[in-house]
PDB file of N, CA and C in Angstrom:
ATOM      1  N   MET A   1      13.890   9.415  39.503  1.00  0.00           N
ATOM      2  CA  MET A   1      12.621   9.502  38.830  1.00  0.00           C
ATOM      3  C   MET A   1      12.269   8.113  38.283  1.00  0.00           C
ATOM      4  N   LYS A   2      11.095   7.646  38.596  1.00  0.00           N
ATOM      5  CA  LYS A   2      10.653   6.340  38.147  1.00  0.00           C
ATOM      6  C   LYS A   2       9.873   6.463  36.843  1.00  0.00           C
ATOM      7  N   LYS A   3      10.036   5.443  36.003  1.00  0.00           N
ATOM      8  CA  LYS A   3       9.257   5.393  34.760  1.00  0.00           C
ATOM      9  C   LYS A   3       7.918   4.738  35.066  1.00  0.00           C
ATOM     10  N   ARG A   4       6.880   5.408  34.699  1.00  0.00           N
ATOM     11  CA  ARG A   4       5.541   4.848  34.900  1.00  0.00           C
ATOM     12  C   ARG A   4       4.817   4.848  33.562  1.00  0.00           C
ATOM     13  N   ASN A   5       4.204   3.746  33.284  1.00  0.00           N
ATOM     14  CA  ASN A   5       3.438   3.602  32.051  1.00  0.00           C
ATOM     15  C   ASN A   5       4.269   3.958  30.817  1.00  0.00           C
ATOM     16  N   ALA A   6       5.503   3.546  30.791  1.00  0.00           N
ATOM     17  CA  ALA A   6       6.370   3.825  29.645  1.00  0.00           C
ATOM     18  C   ALA A   6       5.948   2.953  28.463  1.00  0.00           C
ATOM     19  N   GLU A   7       5.786   3.585  27.317  1.00  0.00           N
ATOM     20  CA  GLU A   7       5.423   2.879  26.096  1.00  0.00           C
ATOM     21  C   GLU A   7       6.326   3.351  24.970  1.00  0.00           C
ATOM     22  N   HIS A   8       6.481   2.505  23.986  1.00  0.00           N
ATOM     23  CA  HIS A   8       7.258   2.881  22.806  1.00  0.00           C
ATOM     24  C   HIS A   8       6.486   3.931  22.015  1.00  0.00           C
ATOM     25  N   ILE A   9       7.205   4.879  21.452  1.00  0.00           N
ATOM     26  CA  ILE A   9       6.564   5.973  20.712  1.00  0.00           C
ATOM     27  C   ILE A   9       5.781   5.447  19.514  1.00  0.00           C
ATOM     28  N   GLY A  10       6.294   4.409  18.869  1.00  0.00           N
ATOM     29  CA  GLY A  10       5.591   3.824  17.726  1.00  0.00           C
ATOM     30  C   GLY A  10       4.228   3.279  18.108  1.00  0.00           C
ATOM     31  N   GLU A  11       4.157   2.644  19.272  1.00  0.00           N
ATOM     32  CA  GLU A  11       2.889   2.099  19.745  1.00  0.00           C
ATOM     33  C   GLU A  11       1.911   3.215  20.102  1.00  0.00           C
ATOM     34  N   VAL A  12       2.404   4.286  20.680  1.00  0.00           N
ATOM     35  CA  VAL A  12       1.549   5.426  21.032  1.00  0.00           C
ATOM     36  C   VAL A  12       0.967   6.059  19.766  1.00  0.00           C
ATOM     37  N   ILE A  13       1.800   6.223  18.739  1.00  0.00           N
ATOM     38  CA  ILE A  13       1.329   6.785  17.469  1.00  0.00           C
ATOM     39  C   ILE A  13       0.295   5.867  16.833  1.00  0.00           C
ATOM     40  N   HIS A  14       0.546   4.568  16.860  1.00  0.00           N
ATOM     41  CA  HIS A  14      -0.390   3.589  16.295  1.00  0.00           C
ATOM     42  C   HIS A  14      -1.743   3.671  17.012  1.00  0.00           C
ATOM     43  N   GLN A  15      -1.726   3.759  18.339  1.00  0.00           N
ATOM     44  CA  GLN A  15      -2.970   3.869  19.108  1.00  0.00           C
ATOM     45  C   GLN A  15      -3.719   5.164  18.771  1.00  0.00           C
ATOM     46  N   PHE A  16      -2.975   6.252  18.632  1.00  0.00           N
ATOM     47  CA  PHE A  16      -3.592   7.527  18.285  1.00  0.00           C
ATOM     48  C   PHE A  16      -4.275   7.458  16.924  1.00  0.00           C
ATOM     49  N   LEU A  17      -3.581   6.898  15.929  1.00  0.00           N
ATOM     50  CA  LEU A  17      -4.161   6.773  14.585  1.00  0.00           C
ATOM     51  C   LEU A  17      -5.430   5.937  14.617  1.00  0.00           C
ATOM     52  N   ARG A  18      -5.399   4.864  15.372  1.00  0.00           N
ATOM     53  CA  ARG A  18      -6.575   3.991  15.462  1.00  0.00           C
ATOM     54  C   ARG A  18      -7.736   4.724  16.131  1.00  0.00           C
ATOM     55  N   GLN A  19      -7.470   5.448  17.211  1.00  0.00           N
ATOM     56  CA  GLN A  19      -8.535   6.159  17.935  1.00  0.00           C
ATOM     57  C   GLN A  19      -9.161   7.261  17.085  1.00  0.00           C
ATOM     58  N   GLU A  20      -8.372   7.925  16.295  1.00  0.00           N
ATOM     59  CA  GLU A  20      -8.856   9.041  15.483  1.00  0.00           C
ATOM     60  C   GLU A  20      -9.404   8.601  14.125  1.00  0.00           C
ATOM     61  N   GLY A  21      -9.386   7.298  13.846  1.00  0.00           N
ATOM     62  CA  GLY A  21      -9.899   6.801  12.575  1.00  0.00           C
ATOM     63  C   GLY A  21      -8.988   7.108  11.399  1.00  0.00           C
ATOM     64  N   LEU A  22      -7.711   7.277  11.661  1.00  0.00           N
ATOM     65  CA  LEU A  22      -6.762   7.626  10.609  1.00  0.00           C
ATOM     66  C   LEU A  22      -5.870   6.456  10.195  1.00  0.00           C
ATOM     67  N   GLU A  23      -6.065   5.311  10.809  1.00  0.00           N
ATOM     68  CA  GLU A  23      -5.212   4.164  10.506  1.00  0.00           C
ATOM     69  C   GLU A  23      -5.392   3.690   9.068  1.00  0.00           C
ATOM     70  N   THR A  24      -6.624   3.573   8.607  1.00  0.00           N
ATOM     71  CA  THR A  24      -6.873   3.105   7.238  1.00  0.00           C
ATOM     72  C   THR A  24      -6.347   4.088   6.198  1.00  0.00           C
ATOM     73  N   PRO A  25      -6.644   5.386   6.296  1.00  0.00           N
ATOM     74  CA  PRO A  25      -6.071   6.309   5.307  1.00  0.00           C
ATOM     75  C   PRO A  25      -4.541   6.324   5.324  1.00  0.00           C
ATOM     76  N   TYR A  26      -3.955   6.191   6.494  1.00  0.00           N
ATOM     77  CA  TYR A  26      -2.497   6.169   6.589  1.00  0.00           C
ATOM     78  C   TYR A  26      -1.929   4.930   5.904  1.00  0.00           C
ATOM     79  N   ASN A  27      -2.555   3.771   6.130  1.00  0.00           N
ATOM     80  CA  ASN A  27      -2.102   2.535   5.473  1.00  0.00           C
ATOM     81  C   ASN A  27      -2.287   2.617   3.964  1.00  0.00           C
ATOM     82  N   GLU A  28      -3.366   3.238   3.505  1.00  0.00           N
ATOM     83  CA  GLU A  28      -3.572   3.419   2.070  1.00  0.00           C
ATOM     84  C   GLU A  28      -2.480   4.309   1.478  1.00  0.00           C
ATOM     85  N   TYR A  29      -2.144   5.374   2.165  1.00  0.00           N
ATOM     86  CA  TYR A  29      -1.069   6.261   1.716  1.00  0.00           C
ATOM     87  C   TYR A  29       0.257   5.504   1.642  1.00  0.00           C
ATOM     88  N   ARG A  30       0.543   4.714   2.676  1.00  0.00           N
ATOM     89  CA  ARG A  30       1.788   3.939   2.690  1.00  0.00           C
ATOM     90  C   ARG A  30       1.830   2.937   1.545  1.00  0.00           C
ATOM     91  N   LEU A  31       0.707   2.312   1.215  1.00  0.00           N
ATOM     92  CA  LEU A  31       0.675   1.339   0.133  1.00  0.00           C
ATOM     93  C   LEU A  31       0.921   2.012  -1.214  1.00  0.00           C
ATOM     94  N   VAL A  32       0.307   3.158  -1.452  1.00  0.00           N
ATOM     95  CA  VAL A  32       0.520   3.887  -2.710  1.00  0.00           C
ATOM     96  C   VAL A  32       1.985   4.303  -2.821  1.00  0.00           C
ATOM     97  N   GLN A  33       2.570   4.755  -1.719  1.00  0.00           N
ATOM     98  CA  GLN A  33       3.975   5.152  -1.723  1.00  0.00           C
ATOM     99  C   GLN A  33       4.909   3.957  -1.890  1.00  0.00           C
ATOM    100  N   ALA A  34       4.446   2.768  -1.512  1.00  0.00           N
ATOM    101  CA  ALA A  34       5.267   1.558  -1.608  1.00  0.00           C
ATOM    102  C   ALA A  34       5.303   0.976  -3.019  1.00  0.00           C
ATOM    103  N   TRP A  35       4.374   1.374  -3.890  1.00  0.00           N
ATOM    104  CA  TRP A  35       4.301   0.816  -5.243  1.00  0.00           C
ATOM    105  C   TRP A  35       5.656   0.835  -5.963  1.00  0.00           C
ATOM    106  N   PRO A  36       6.359   1.969  -6.048  1.00  0.00           N
ATOM    107  CA  PRO A  36       7.640   1.964  -6.765  1.00  0.00           C
ATOM    108  C   PRO A  36       8.691   1.076  -6.108  1.00  0.00           C
ATOM    109  N   GLU A  37       8.707   1.037  -4.791  1.00  0.00           N
ATOM    110  CA  GLU A  37       9.711   0.236  -4.103  1.00  0.00           C
ATOM    111  C   GLU A  37       9.447  -1.259  -4.266  1.00  0.00           C
ATOM    112  N   VAL A  38       8.197  -1.658  -4.163  1.00  0.00           N
ATOM    113  CA  VAL A  38       7.848  -3.074  -4.278  1.00  0.00           C
ATOM    114  C   VAL A  38       7.989  -3.555  -5.726  1.00  0.00           C
ATOM    115  N   MET A  39       7.582  -2.716  -6.672  1.00  0.00           N
ATOM    116  CA  MET A  39       7.574  -3.141  -8.073  1.00  0.00           C
ATOM    117  C   MET A  39       8.912  -2.922  -8.780  1.00  0.00           C
ATOM    118  N   GLY A  40       9.697  -2.007  -8.321  1.00  0.00           N
ATOM    119  CA  GLY A  40      10.990  -1.762  -8.938  1.00  0.00           C
ATOM    120  C   GLY A  40      10.966  -0.586  -9.904  1.00  0.00           C
ATOM    121  N   HIS A  41      12.156  -0.145 -10.256  1.00  0.00           N
ATOM    122  CA  HIS A  41      12.317   1.045 -11.082  1.00  0.00           C
ATOM    123  C   HIS A  41      11.771   0.850 -12.503  1.00  0.00           C
ATOM    124  N   ALA A  42      11.942  -0.331 -13.079  1.00  0.00           N
ATOM    125  CA  ALA A  42      11.501  -0.566 -14.461  1.00  0.00           C
ATOM    126  C   ALA A  42       9.988  -0.410 -14.601  1.00  0.00           C
ATOM    127  N   ILE A  43       9.244  -0.964 -13.679  1.00  0.00           N
ATOM    128  CA  ILE A  43       7.782  -0.865 -13.743  1.00  0.00           C
ATOM    129  C   ILE A  43       7.332   0.540 -13.353  1.00  0.00           C
ATOM    130  N   GLU A  44       8.051   1.169 -12.455  1.00  0.00           N
ATOM    131  CA  GLU A  44       7.717   2.534 -12.054  1.00  0.00           C
ATOM    132  C   GLU A  44       7.763   3.496 -13.248  1.00  0.00           C
ATOM    133  N   GLN A  45       8.667   3.269 -14.173  1.00  0.00           N
ATOM    134  CA  GLN A  45       8.778   4.135 -15.347  1.00  0.00           C
ATOM    135  C   GLN A  45       7.534   4.086 -16.223  1.00  0.00           C
ATOM    136  N   TYR A  46       6.825   2.961 -16.233  1.00  0.00           N
ATOM    137  CA  TYR A  46       5.622   2.809 -17.051  1.00  0.00           C
ATOM    138  C   TYR A  46       4.337   3.107 -16.281  1.00  0.00           C
ATOM    139  N   THR A  47       4.463   3.484 -15.015  1.00  0.00           N
ATOM    140  CA  THR A  47       3.302   3.782 -14.185  1.00  0.00           C
ATOM    141  C   THR A  47       2.959   5.258 -14.285  1.00  0.00           C
ATOM    142  N   ALA A  48       1.716   5.543 -14.657  1.00  0.00           N
ATOM    143  CA  ALA A  48       1.267   6.931 -14.782  1.00  0.00           C
ATOM    144  C   ALA A  48       0.572   7.410 -13.510  1.00  0.00           C
ATOM    145  N   ASP A  49      -0.225   6.558 -12.866  1.00  0.00           N
ATOM    146  CA  ASP A  49      -0.978   6.969 -11.690  1.00  0.00           C
ATOM    147  C   ASP A  49      -1.310   5.747 -10.842  1.00  0.00           C
ATOM    148  N   VAL A  50      -1.317   5.934  -9.520  1.00  0.00           N
ATOM    149  CA  VAL A  50      -1.672   4.872  -8.574  1.00  0.00           C
ATOM    150  C   VAL A  50      -2.583   5.494  -7.523  1.00  0.00           C
ATOM    151  N   GLN A  51      -3.766   4.872  -7.328  1.00  0.00           N
ATOM    152  CA  GLN A  51      -4.677   5.351  -6.290  1.00  0.00           C
ATOM    153  C   GLN A  51      -5.538   4.211  -5.789  1.00  0.00           C
ATOM    154  N   ILE A  52      -6.104   4.387  -4.603  1.00  0.00           N
ATOM    155  CA  ILE A  52      -6.946   3.366  -3.984  1.00  0.00           C
ATOM    156  C   ILE A  52      -8.362   3.895  -3.874  1.00  0.00           C
ATOM    157  N   ARG A  53      -9.313   3.051  -4.315  1.00  0.00           N
ATOM    158  CA  ARG A  53     -10.741   3.337  -4.163  1.00  0.00           C
ATOM    159  C   ARG A  53     -11.455   2.038  -3.830  1.00  0.00           C
ATOM    160  N   ASN A  54     -12.242   2.046  -2.779  1.00  0.00           N
ATOM    161  CA  ASN A  54     -13.047   0.885  -2.383  1.00  0.00           C
ATOM    162  C   ASN A  54     -12.222  -0.391  -2.262  1.00  0.00           C
ATOM    163  N   ARG A  55     -11.110  -0.300  -1.558  1.00  0.00           N
ATOM    164  CA  ARG A  55     -10.220  -1.438  -1.284  1.00  0.00           C
ATOM    165  C   ARG A  55      -9.620  -2.061  -2.549  1.00  0.00           C
ATOM    166  N   ALA A  56      -9.603  -1.300  -3.636  1.00  0.00           N
ATOM    167  CA  ALA A  56      -8.971  -1.747  -4.883  1.00  0.00           C
ATOM    168  C   ALA A  56      -7.903  -0.736  -5.276  1.00  0.00           C
ATOM    169  N   LEU A  57      -6.773  -1.244  -5.710  1.00  0.00           N
ATOM    170  CA  LEU A  57      -5.682  -0.390  -6.161  1.00  0.00           C
ATOM    171  C   LEU A  57      -5.820  -0.206  -7.665  1.00  0.00           C
ATOM    172  N   TYR A  58      -5.980   1.031  -8.099  1.00  0.00           N
ATOM    173  CA  TYR A  58      -6.085   1.351  -9.515  1.00  0.00           C
ATOM    174  C   TYR A  58      -4.726   1.844  -9.994  1.00  0.00           C
ATOM    175  N   VAL A  59      -4.174   1.141 -10.986  1.00  0.00           N
ATOM    176  CA  VAL A  59      -2.853   1.479 -11.506  1.00  0.00           C
ATOM    177  C   VAL A  59      -2.981   1.771 -12.993  1.00  0.00           C
ATOM    178  N   LYS A  60      -2.606   2.979 -13.383  1.00  0.00           N
ATOM    179  CA  LYS A  60      -2.642   3.369 -14.787  1.00  0.00           C
ATOM    180  C   LYS A  60      -1.248   3.140 -15.368  1.00  0.00           C
ATOM    181  N   LEU A  61      -1.179   2.293 -16.390  1.00  0.00           N
ATOM    182  CA  LEU A  61       0.094   1.937 -17.012  1.00  0.00           C
ATOM    183  C   LEU A  61       0.151   2.453 -18.443  1.00  0.00           C
ATOM    184  N   ARG A  62       1.359   2.749 -18.901  1.00  0.00           N
ATOM    185  CA  ARG A  62       1.562   3.245 -20.266  1.00  0.00           C
ATOM    186  C   ARG A  62       1.854   2.128 -21.254  1.00  0.00           C
ATOM    187  N   SER A  63       2.035   0.901 -20.785  1.00  0.00           N
ATOM    188  CA  SER A  63       2.388  -0.221 -21.650  1.00  0.00           C
ATOM    189  C   SER A  63       1.326  -1.305 -21.561  1.00  0.00           C
ATOM    190  N   SER A  64       0.726  -1.640 -22.699  1.00  0.00           N
ATOM    191  CA  SER A  64      -0.299  -2.684 -22.709  1.00  0.00           C
ATOM    192  C   SER A  64       0.313  -4.067 -22.453  1.00  0.00           C
ATOM    193  N   VAL A  65       1.526  -4.276 -22.890  1.00  0.00           N
ATOM    194  CA  VAL A  65       2.195  -5.563 -22.658  1.00  0.00           C
ATOM    195  C   VAL A  65       2.452  -5.748 -21.163  1.00  0.00           C
ATOM    196  N   LEU A  66       2.951  -4.722 -20.511  1.00  0.00           N
ATOM    197  CA  LEU A  66       3.184  -4.782 -19.069  1.00  0.00           C
ATOM    198  C   LEU A  66       1.869  -4.947 -18.321  1.00  0.00           C
ATOM    199  N   ARG A  67       0.831  -4.256 -18.767  1.00  0.00           N
ATOM    200  CA  ARG A  67      -0.494  -4.368 -18.146  1.00  0.00           C
ATOM    201  C   ARG A  67      -0.971  -5.810 -18.160  1.00  0.00           C
ATOM    202  N   HIS A  68      -0.841  -6.470 -19.300  1.00  0.00           N
ATOM    203  CA  HIS A  68      -1.270  -7.866 -19.420  1.00  0.00           C
ATOM    204  C   HIS A  68      -0.436  -8.775 -18.523  1.00  0.00           C
ATOM    205  N   GLU A  69       0.855  -8.543 -18.487  1.00  0.00           N
ATOM    206  CA  GLU A  69       1.750  -9.365 -17.669  1.00  0.00           C
ATOM    207  C   GLU A  69       1.422  -9.224 -16.179  1.00  0.00           C
ATOM    208  N   LEU A  70       1.176  -8.005 -15.737  1.00  0.00           N
ATOM    209  CA  LEU A  70       0.855  -7.776 -14.330  1.00  0.00           C
ATOM    210  C   LEU A  70      -0.535  -8.302 -13.969  1.00  0.00           C
ATOM    211  N   MET A  71      -1.477  -8.264 -14.909  1.00  0.00           N
ATOM    212  CA  MET A  71      -2.816  -8.799 -14.646  1.00  0.00           C
ATOM    213  C   MET A  71      -2.761 -10.282 -14.297  1.00  0.00           C
ATOM    214  N   MET A  72      -1.851 -10.982 -14.940  1.00  0.00           N
ATOM    215  CA  MET A  72      -1.732 -12.425 -14.694  1.00  0.00           C
ATOM    216  C   MET A  72      -1.178 -12.712 -13.300  1.00  0.00           C
ATOM    217  N   ASN A  73      -0.502 -11.747 -12.698  1.00  0.00           N
ATOM    218  CA  ASN A  73       0.102 -11.940 -11.379  1.00  0.00           C
ATOM    219  C   ASN A  73      -0.510 -11.050 -10.311  1.00  0.00           C
ATOM    220  N   ARG A  74      -1.722 -10.577 -10.516  1.00  0.00           N
ATOM    221  CA  ARG A  74      -2.306  -9.597  -9.599  1.00  0.00           C
ATOM    222  C   ARG A  74      -2.504 -10.130  -8.189  1.00  0.00           C
ATOM    223  N   HIS A  75      -2.823 -11.408  -8.020  1.00  0.00           N
ATOM    224  CA  HIS A  75      -3.030 -11.954  -6.673  1.00  0.00           C
ATOM    225  C   HIS A  75      -1.727 -11.964  -5.876  1.00  0.00           C
ATOM    226  N   ILE A  76      -0.635 -12.251  -6.539  1.00  0.00           N
ATOM    227  CA  ILE A  76       0.672 -12.217  -5.886  1.00  0.00           C
ATOM    228  C   ILE A  76       1.030 -10.786  -5.505  1.00  0.00           C
ATOM    229  N   LEU A  77       0.727  -9.834  -6.389  1.00  0.00           N
ATOM    230  CA  LEU A  77       1.022  -8.434  -6.122  1.00  0.00           C
ATOM    231  C   LEU A  77       0.198  -7.898  -4.955  1.00  0.00           C
ATOM    232  N   VAL A  78      -1.066  -8.280  -4.886  1.00  0.00           N
ATOM    233  CA  VAL A  78      -1.924  -7.861  -3.759  1.00  0.00           C
ATOM    234  C   VAL A  78      -1.299  -8.346  -2.452  1.00  0.00           C
ATOM    235  N   HIS A  79      -0.884  -9.604  -2.440  1.00  0.00           N
ATOM    236  CA  HIS A  79      -0.278 -10.177  -1.234  1.00  0.00           C
ATOM    237  C   HIS A  79       1.012  -9.441  -0.864  1.00  0.00           C
ATOM    238  N   ARG A  80       1.876  -9.190  -1.847  1.00  0.00           N
ATOM    239  CA  ARG A  80       3.159  -8.528  -1.589  1.00  0.00           C
ATOM    240  C   ARG A  80       2.967  -7.107  -1.069  1.00  0.00           C
ATOM    241  N   LEU A  81       2.037  -6.360  -1.650  1.00  0.00           N
ATOM    242  CA  LEU A  81       1.797  -4.987  -1.220  1.00  0.00           C
ATOM    243  C   LEU A  81       1.193  -4.933   0.185  1.00  0.00           C
ATOM    244  N   ASN A  82       0.213  -5.786   0.450  1.00  0.00           N
ATOM    245  CA  ASN A  82      -0.379  -5.827   1.790  1.00  0.00           C
ATOM    246  C   ASN A  82       0.656  -6.253   2.832  1.00  0.00           C
ATOM    247  N   GLU A  83       1.493  -7.196   2.475  1.00  0.00           N
ATOM    248  CA  GLU A  83       2.537  -7.655   3.385  1.00  0.00           C
ATOM    249  C   GLU A  83       3.537  -6.537   3.676  1.00  0.00           C
ATOM    250  N   TYR A  84       3.862  -5.749   2.664  1.00  0.00           N
ATOM    251  CA  TYR A  84       4.804  -4.641   2.833  1.00  0.00           C
ATOM    252  C   TYR A  84       4.269  -3.614   3.834  1.00  0.00           C
ATOM    253  N   VAL A  85       2.973  -3.325   3.737  1.00  0.00           N
ATOM    254  CA  VAL A  85       2.346  -2.346   4.629  1.00  0.00           C
ATOM    255  C   VAL A  85       2.082  -2.954   6.006  1.00  0.00           C
ATOM    256  N   GLY A  86       1.849  -4.253   6.045  1.00  0.00           N
ATOM    257  CA  GLY A  86       1.575  -4.912   7.317  1.00  0.00           C
ATOM    258  C   GLY A  86       0.114  -4.910   7.697  1.00  0.00           C
ATOM    259  N   ALA A  87      -0.767  -4.713   6.715  1.00  0.00           N
ATOM    260  CA  ALA A  87      -2.214  -4.703   6.965  1.00  0.00           C
ATOM    261  C   ALA A  87      -2.932  -5.086   5.675  1.00  0.00           C
ATOM    262  N   GLN A  88      -4.165  -5.560   5.817  1.00  0.00           N
ATOM    263  CA  GLN A  88      -4.983  -5.912   4.662  1.00  0.00           C
ATOM    264  C   GLN A  88      -5.650  -4.643   4.150  1.00  0.00           C
ATOM    265  N   VAL A  89      -4.967  -3.944   3.232  1.00  0.00           N
ATOM    266  CA  VAL A  89      -5.435  -2.650   2.740  1.00  0.00           C
ATOM    267  C   VAL A  89      -6.248  -2.811   1.466  1.00  0.00           C
ATOM    268  N   ILE A  90      -5.786  -3.655   0.547  1.00  0.00           N
ATOM    269  CA  ILE A  90      -6.469  -3.833  -0.739  1.00  0.00           C
ATOM    270  C   ILE A  90      -6.855  -5.291  -0.924  1.00  0.00           C
ATOM    271  N   ASP A  91      -7.900  -5.489  -1.731  1.00  0.00           N
ATOM    272  CA  ASP A  91      -8.349  -6.843  -2.079  1.00  0.00           C
ATOM    273  C   ASP A  91      -8.094  -7.161  -3.538  1.00  0.00           C
ATOM    274  N   ASN A  92      -7.888  -6.131  -4.350  1.00  0.00           N
ATOM    275  CA  ASN A  92      -7.777  -6.324  -5.787  1.00  0.00           C
ATOM    276  C   ASN A  92      -6.920  -5.221  -6.393  1.00  0.00           C
ATOM    277  N   ILE A  93      -6.348  -5.505  -7.563  1.00  0.00           N
ATOM    278  CA  ILE A  93      -5.640  -4.499  -8.330  1.00  0.00           C
ATOM    279  C   ILE A  93      -6.300  -4.421  -9.693  1.00  0.00           C
ATOM    280  N   ILE A  94      -6.607  -3.217 -10.132  1.00  0.00           N
ATOM    281  CA  ILE A  94      -7.209  -2.985 -11.429  1.00  0.00           C
ATOM    282  C   ILE A  94      -6.224  -2.175 -12.254  1.00  0.00           C
ATOM    283  N   PHE A  95      -5.802  -2.738 -13.380  1.00  0.00           N
ATOM    284  CA  PHE A  95      -4.848  -2.062 -14.249  1.00  0.00           C
ATOM    285  C   PHE A  95      -5.602  -1.363 -15.381  1.00  0.00           C
ATOM    286  N   CYS A  96      -5.331  -0.085 -15.560  1.00  0.00           N
ATOM    287  CA  CYS A  96      -5.998   0.720 -16.589  1.00  0.00           C
ATOM    288  C   CYS A  96      -4.999   1.096 -17.665  1.00  0.00           C
TER     289      CYS A  96
END
């Protein structure tokens, strides 16, 4: 039996998501799920909610000191999160 048009399963799934218009929502979901892993356990403990709206990541924090500290580094965080997902998902982070 000969292999014809053999493709990696990951590439087939990626093509399907793109064709069905599900690539962006999937990347947004992956970015929200990546928040605790990228930021670490200490920051995760002070995080109340994480969601994406209009290419901005909204993060609700319980600590005003942590909020101020993260605001000063938001451009680095945007880069790290987008890099983790492998796509330009967010342009800004808004800390509430």
